[in-house]
Amino acid sequence: MTKIPISREIAVGLIDVARLLRTYADQRARQFGISRAQWTVLMRLDRFEGLKQSELAEVLDLQPISLTRLLDRLAKNGLIERRPDPHDRRANRLYLTPAARPLLKQLSGLGEDVMTTVLGKLDDAARERLMRDLDAIKDNLRAAIARSGTAAQDQSATG
């Protein structure tokens, strides 16, 4: 039997953890009648209210059409509103409604509960180490993406 390199095991582990976390969060969000994706939109708007739809799509790494469907459902449920951008007639800015505030408070508690379960067997030192390691991985990926984007631009300019 061929030994699998640890780097590949880490990649598979990260993918599995992300998938399981999404599944668990979806299960838990259903008790409030929303999906994990809607939860994510509400939490981002709570932090960055007034974003344009295009900005929110970029932050969430969603296709604009997928985000539009999520926003339509949230608006229909009275949780968000679209307001015209005062500087760009083609754009809307997104705001939470007063009805969203109590739900956000419940979702915040739910998020804490989810993460207590997820991190249950890790002590404080392990959690801090995990956060540092994840930050390092993100920094590595951001740098690689930037290099890759620069190389692609250079290639298309000379190609």
Protein backbone atom coordinates (compact mmCIF):
# COMPACT_ATOMS: atom_id res chain seq x y z
CA MET A 1 0.00 0.00 0.00
CA THR A 2 1.36 3.40 -1.03
CA LYS A 3 1.87 5.92 1.74
CA ILE A 4 -0.06 9.10 1.03
CA PRO A 5 1.95 12.31 1.53
CA ILE A 6 0.94 14.31 4.60
CA SER A 7 0.34 17.41 2.46
CA ARG A 8 -2.35 15.52 0.52
CA GLU A 9 -3.88 14.25 3.78
CA ILE A 10 -4.02 17.84 5.06
CA ALA A 11 -5.71 19.02 1.84
CA VAL A 12 -8.32 16.26 2.08
CA GLY A 13 -8.79 16.97 5.78
CA LEU A 14 -9.39 20.68 5.19
CA ILE A 15 -11.90 19.91 2.44
CA ASP A 16 -13.70 17.37 4.64
CA VAL A 17 -13.83 19.72 7.63
CA ALA A 18 -15.21 22.56 5.49
CA ARG A 19 -17.88 20.28 4.00
CA LEU A 20 -18.90 18.87 7.39
CA LEU A 21 -19.04 22.34 8.95
CA ARG A 22 -21.29 23.56 6.12
CA THR A 23 -23.56 20.51 6.54
CA TYR A 24 -23.79 20.95 10.32
CA ALA A 25 -24.45 24.69 10.04
CA ASP A 26 -27.18 24.02 7.46
CA GLN A 27 -28.84 21.52 9.79
CA ARG A 28 -28.73 23.93 12.71
CA ALA A 29 -29.91 26.97 10.69
CA ARG A 30 -33.07 25.13 9.60
CA GLN A 31 -34.53 25.59 13.08
CA PHE A 32 -34.81 29.29 12.24
CA GLY A 33 -36.26 28.66 8.78
CA ILE A 34 -33.16 29.77 6.90
CA SER A 35 -30.23 28.16 5.13
CA ARG A 36 -26.56 28.45 6.01
CA ALA A 37 -26.13 30.60 2.90
CA GLN A 38 -28.83 33.01 4.08
CA TRP A 39 -27.28 33.01 7.54
CA THR A 40 -23.93 33.94 5.98
CA VAL A 41 -25.50 36.81 4.04
CA LEU A 42 -27.19 38.17 7.17
CA MET A 43 -23.99 37.96 9.21
CA ARG A 44 -21.97 39.75 6.52
CA LEU A 45 -24.57 42.49 6.24
CA ASP A 46 -24.54 42.85 10.00
CA ARG A 47 -20.81 43.56 9.78
CA PHE A 48 -20.84 45.56 6.53
CA GLU A 49 -24.28 47.05 6.12
CA GLY A 50 -24.77 49.13 2.98
CA LEU A 51 -22.69 46.98 0.65
CA LYS A 52 -23.57 46.87 -3.02
CA GLN A 53 -24.87 43.53 -4.24
CA SER A 54 -21.76 43.15 -6.41
CA GLU A 55 -19.48 43.81 -3.42
CA LEU A 56 -21.32 41.27 -1.29
CA ALA A 57 -21.12 38.68 -4.09
CA GLU A 58 -17.36 39.19 -4.24
CA VAL A 59 -16.92 38.98 -0.45
CA LEU A 60 -18.97 35.77 -0.31
CA ASP A 61 -17.39 34.33 -3.47
CA LEU A 62 -20.82 33.81 -5.03
CA GLN A 63 -22.04 34.26 -8.55
CA PRO A 64 -24.28 37.35 -8.73
CA ILE A 65 -27.30 35.28 -9.84
CA SER A 66 -26.92 32.95 -6.84
CA LEU A 67 -26.70 35.90 -4.48
CA THR A 68 -29.73 37.53 -6.11
CA ARG A 69 -31.83 34.44 -5.32
CA LEU A 70 -30.67 34.50 -1.68
CA LEU A 71 -31.40 38.21 -1.40
CA ASP A 72 -34.83 37.77 -2.97
CA ARG A 73 -35.74 35.19 -0.30
CA LEU A 74 -34.38 37.34 2.52
CA ALA A 75 -36.24 40.41 1.20
CA LYS A 76 -39.47 38.39 0.81
CA ASN A 77 -39.10 37.33 4.47
CA GLY A 78 -38.67 40.97 5.50
CA LEU A 79 -35.06 40.57 6.71
CA ILE A 80 -33.23 42.79 4.23
CA GLU A 81 -34.02 45.67 1.96
CA ARG A 82 -32.44 46.94 -1.20
CA ARG A 83 -31.99 50.68 -1.44
CA PRO A 84 -30.84 52.54 -4.54
CA ASP A 85 -27.22 53.62 -4.48
CA PRO A 86 -27.25 57.45 -4.41
CA HIS A 87 -24.15 57.58 -6.66
CA ASP A 88 -24.94 54.77 -9.12
CA ARG A 89 -28.43 54.37 -10.53
CA ARG A 90 -27.67 50.79 -11.65
CA ALA A 91 -26.68 49.56 -8.17
CA ASN A 92 -28.51 48.69 -4.99
CA ARG A 93 -27.16 48.82 -1.48
CA LEU A 94 -28.21 46.20 1.06
CA TYR A 95 -29.51 46.88 4.55
CA LEU A 96 -30.91 44.78 7.34
CA THR A 97 -34.45 45.49 8.46
CA PRO A 98 -35.42 45.88 12.11
CA ALA A 99 -37.01 42.41 11.86
CA ALA A 100 -33.57 40.93 11.19
CA ARG A 101 -32.09 42.09 14.51
CA PRO A 102 -33.75 39.52 16.82
CA LEU A 103 -32.92 36.74 14.35
CA LEU A 104 -29.29 37.86 14.20
CA LYS A 105 -29.10 37.70 17.98
CA GLN A 106 -30.40 34.12 17.88
CA LEU A 107 -28.03 33.24 15.04
CA SER A 108 -25.10 34.66 16.97
CA GLY A 109 -25.93 32.32 19.85
CA LEU A 110 -26.35 29.47 17.40
CA GLY A 111 -22.93 30.24 15.91
CA GLU A 112 -21.35 30.08 19.35
CA ASP A 113 -23.10 26.78 20.02
CA VAL A 114 -21.98 25.34 16.67
CA MET A 115 -18.37 26.31 17.29
CA THR A 116 -18.45 24.99 20.86
CA THR A 117 -19.43 21.63 19.36
CA VAL A 118 -16.91 21.85 16.53
CA LEU A 119 -13.99 22.77 18.79
CA GLY A 120 -15.18 20.69 21.74
CA LYS A 121 -12.08 18.53 22.22
CA LEU A 122 -9.57 21.34 21.69
CA ASP A 123 -8.22 23.23 24.68
CA ASP A 124 -7.49 26.97 24.52
CA ALA A 125 -3.84 26.47 23.52
CA ALA A 126 -4.83 24.11 20.68
CA ARG A 127 -7.47 26.60 19.49
CA GLU A 128 -4.95 29.45 19.45
CA ARG A 129 -2.44 27.29 17.56
CA LEU A 130 -5.12 26.26 15.07
CA MET A 131 -6.02 29.91 14.47
CA ARG A 132 -2.35 30.82 13.88
CA ASP A 133 -1.93 27.87 11.51
CA LEU A 134 -5.09 28.70 9.57
CA ASP A 135 -3.96 32.33 9.28
CA ALA A 136 -0.60 31.15 7.91
CA ILE A 137 -2.35 28.90 5.39
CA LYS A 138 -4.59 31.79 4.29
CA ASP A 139 -1.56 34.08 3.92
CA ASN A 140 0.21 31.44 1.80
CA LEU A 141 -2.85 31.06 -0.42
CA ARG A 142 -3.36 34.81 -0.82
CA ALA A 143 0.27 35.24 -1.84
CA ALA A 144 0.05 32.33 -4.30
CA ILE A 145 -3.16 33.74 -5.80
CA ALA A 146 -1.56 37.16 -6.17
CA ARG A 147 1.52 35.65 -7.83
CA SER A 148 -0.63 33.51 -10.09
CA GLY A 149 -2.77 36.49 -11.08
CA THR A 150 0.31 38.59 -11.82
CA ALA A 151 1.84 35.78 -13.89
CA ALA A 152 -1.38 35.37 -15.86
CA GLN A 153 -1.55 39.11 -16.54
CA ASP A 154 2.10 39.14 -17.63
CA GLN A 155 1.50 36.16 -19.88
CA SER A 156 -1.56 37.71 -21.55
CA ALA A 157 0.28 41.00 -22.07
CA THR A 158 3.19 39.31 -23.81
CA GLY A 159 1.18 36.49 -25.45
